Protein backbone atom coordinates (compact mmCIF):
# COMPACT_ATOMS: atom_id res chain seq x y z
CA UNK A 1 55.60 -53.35 32.40
CA UNK A 2 56.99 -52.65 28.96
CA UNK A 3 54.48 -52.95 26.13
CA UNK A 4 55.35 -53.01 22.42
CA UNK A 5 52.94 -51.43 19.96
CA UNK A 6 53.46 -50.98 16.24
CA UNK A 7 52.22 -47.57 15.15
CA UNK A 8 51.96 -45.48 12.02
CA UNK A 9 52.68 -41.76 11.56
CA UNK A 10 49.21 -40.95 12.98
CA UNK A 11 49.95 -42.99 16.13
CA UNK A 12 47.42 -45.68 15.25
CA UNK A 13 48.27 -49.15 16.61
CA UNK A 14 48.49 -51.55 13.66
CA UNK A 15 49.55 -55.15 12.99
CA UNK A 16 53.33 -55.62 13.08
CA UNK A 17 53.99 -55.47 9.33
CA UNK A 18 51.90 -52.35 8.67
CA UNK A 19 53.38 -49.75 11.02
CA UNK A 20 56.51 -47.68 10.52
CA UNK A 21 57.54 -47.57 14.20
CA UNK A 22 57.64 -49.78 17.25
CA UNK A 23 56.68 -47.92 20.38
CA UNK A 24 57.94 -49.31 23.67
CA UNK A 25 55.56 -48.07 26.35
CA UNK A 26 56.49 -48.18 30.04
CA UNK A 27 53.11 -48.41 31.73
CA UNK A 28 54.47 -47.62 35.20
CA UNK A 29 56.29 -44.44 34.18
CA UNK A 30 53.67 -43.61 31.51
CA UNK A 31 56.48 -42.91 29.06
CA UNK A 32 57.37 -44.33 25.67
CA UNK A 33 60.10 -44.36 23.07
CA UNK A 34 59.71 -44.96 19.34
CA UNK A 35 62.05 -46.98 17.13
CA UNK A 36 62.00 -47.72 13.39
CA UNK A 37 60.10 -50.94 12.72
CA UNK A 38 62.66 -53.52 11.48
CA UNK A 39 59.85 -55.31 9.61
CA UNK A 40 59.59 -52.42 7.16
CA UNK A 41 62.86 -53.35 5.41
CA UNK A 42 62.30 -57.11 5.14
CA UNK A 43 60.54 -59.38 2.67
CA UNK A 44 60.41 -62.45 4.93
CA UNK A 45 60.31 -63.00 8.68
CA UNK A 46 58.87 -59.55 9.25
CA UNK A 47 56.69 -60.33 12.25
CA UNK A 48 59.43 -62.38 13.89
CA UNK A 49 61.97 -59.58 13.40
CA UNK A 50 59.66 -57.02 15.01
CA UNK A 51 58.90 -59.38 17.90
CA UNK A 52 62.60 -60.06 18.44
CA UNK A 53 63.39 -56.33 18.38
CA UNK A 54 60.66 -55.53 20.92
CA UNK A 55 61.89 -58.29 23.22
CA UNK A 56 65.45 -56.98 22.94
CA UNK A 57 64.14 -53.61 24.14
CA UNK A 58 62.62 -55.35 27.17
CA UNK A 59 58.98 -55.59 26.10
CA UNK A 60 57.11 -58.49 27.68
CA UNK A 61 53.64 -57.56 26.36
CA UNK A 62 52.44 -56.81 22.83
CA UNK A 63 49.45 -54.63 21.87
CA UNK A 64 47.76 -56.91 19.35
CA UNK A 65 45.02 -55.84 16.97
CA UNK A 66 43.82 -58.61 14.61
CA UNK A 67 46.49 -60.01 12.24
CA UNK A 68 49.39 -58.77 14.36
CA UNK A 69 50.96 -62.24 14.51
CA UNK A 70 51.31 -65.08 12.05
CA UNK A 71 51.38 -68.68 13.26
CA UNK A 72 55.19 -68.79 13.53
CA UNK A 73 55.66 -65.45 15.28
CA UNK A 74 52.75 -66.24 17.60
CA UNK A 75 54.33 -69.59 18.55
CA UNK A 76 57.62 -67.79 19.21
CA UNK A 77 55.85 -65.17 21.34
CA UNK A 78 54.14 -67.89 23.36
CA UNK A 79 57.40 -69.81 23.77
CA UNK A 80 59.01 -66.61 25.08
CA UNK A 81 56.02 -66.10 27.42
CA UNK A 82 55.06 -62.79 25.85
CA UNK A 83 51.65 -61.57 27.01
CA UNK A 84 49.11 -59.81 24.83
CA UNK A 85 46.73 -56.91 25.06
CA UNK A 86 44.20 -58.20 22.54
CA UNK A 87 42.65 -55.26 20.72
CA UNK A 88 39.42 -55.68 18.78
CA UNK A 89 40.58 -53.20 16.15
CA UNK A 90 43.33 -50.81 15.23
CA UNK A 91 43.11 -47.82 17.54
CA UNK A 92 44.90 -44.59 18.44
CA UNK A 93 47.75 -45.04 20.89
CA UNK A 94 46.24 -42.40 23.24
CA UNK A 95 43.05 -44.47 23.45
CA UNK A 96 45.08 -47.59 24.23
CA UNK A 97 47.09 -45.68 26.84
CA UNK A 98 43.83 -44.67 28.56
CA UNK A 99 42.52 -48.26 28.45
CA UNK A 100 45.70 -49.45 30.17
CA UNK A 101 45.56 -46.65 32.74
CA UNK A 102 41.96 -47.42 33.67
CA UNK A 103 42.61 -51.18 33.52
CA UNK A 104 39.89 -51.53 30.89
CA UNK A 105 42.10 -53.93 28.97
CA UNK A 106 44.01 -56.80 30.55
CA UNK A 107 46.94 -58.93 29.52
CA UNK A 108 46.31 -62.46 28.39
CA UNK A 109 48.50 -65.46 27.61
CA UNK A 110 46.78 -66.44 24.36
CA UNK A 111 45.08 -64.92 21.36
CA UNK A 112 42.09 -66.47 19.59
CA UNK A 113 43.05 -68.50 16.51
CA UNK A 114 40.96 -66.30 14.22
CA UNK A 115 43.16 -63.23 14.82
CA UNK A 116 46.42 -65.08 13.97
CA UNK A 117 47.20 -65.20 10.25
CA UNK A 118 48.63 -68.27 8.49
CA UNK A 119 52.39 -68.30 7.99
CA UNK A 120 53.53 -68.19 4.36
């Protein structure tokens, strides 16, 4: 499966609008490729733009620490049947990679309402 994760220069997984890169992680090949985060250059629609970009790269799952999605981008993700790895906090990509490898984190179809931020 292809998983999208927004990361910073220290390879910490962050909410969509905070990271400088989108990492597309192929869990089967255990390989990834980084792309500039399109949300970084926008004032509006940032989460939606990053979601759209990740989907265009083939990602069907999003690594999601709290506040990754707003109400609109979350609705779009659900409509597109994107799955989520809900993360309790921001964490290093290597730690996430190990959680996936050991199946210590599982995909889910929904995120709790309290981790989705209101749309502006």
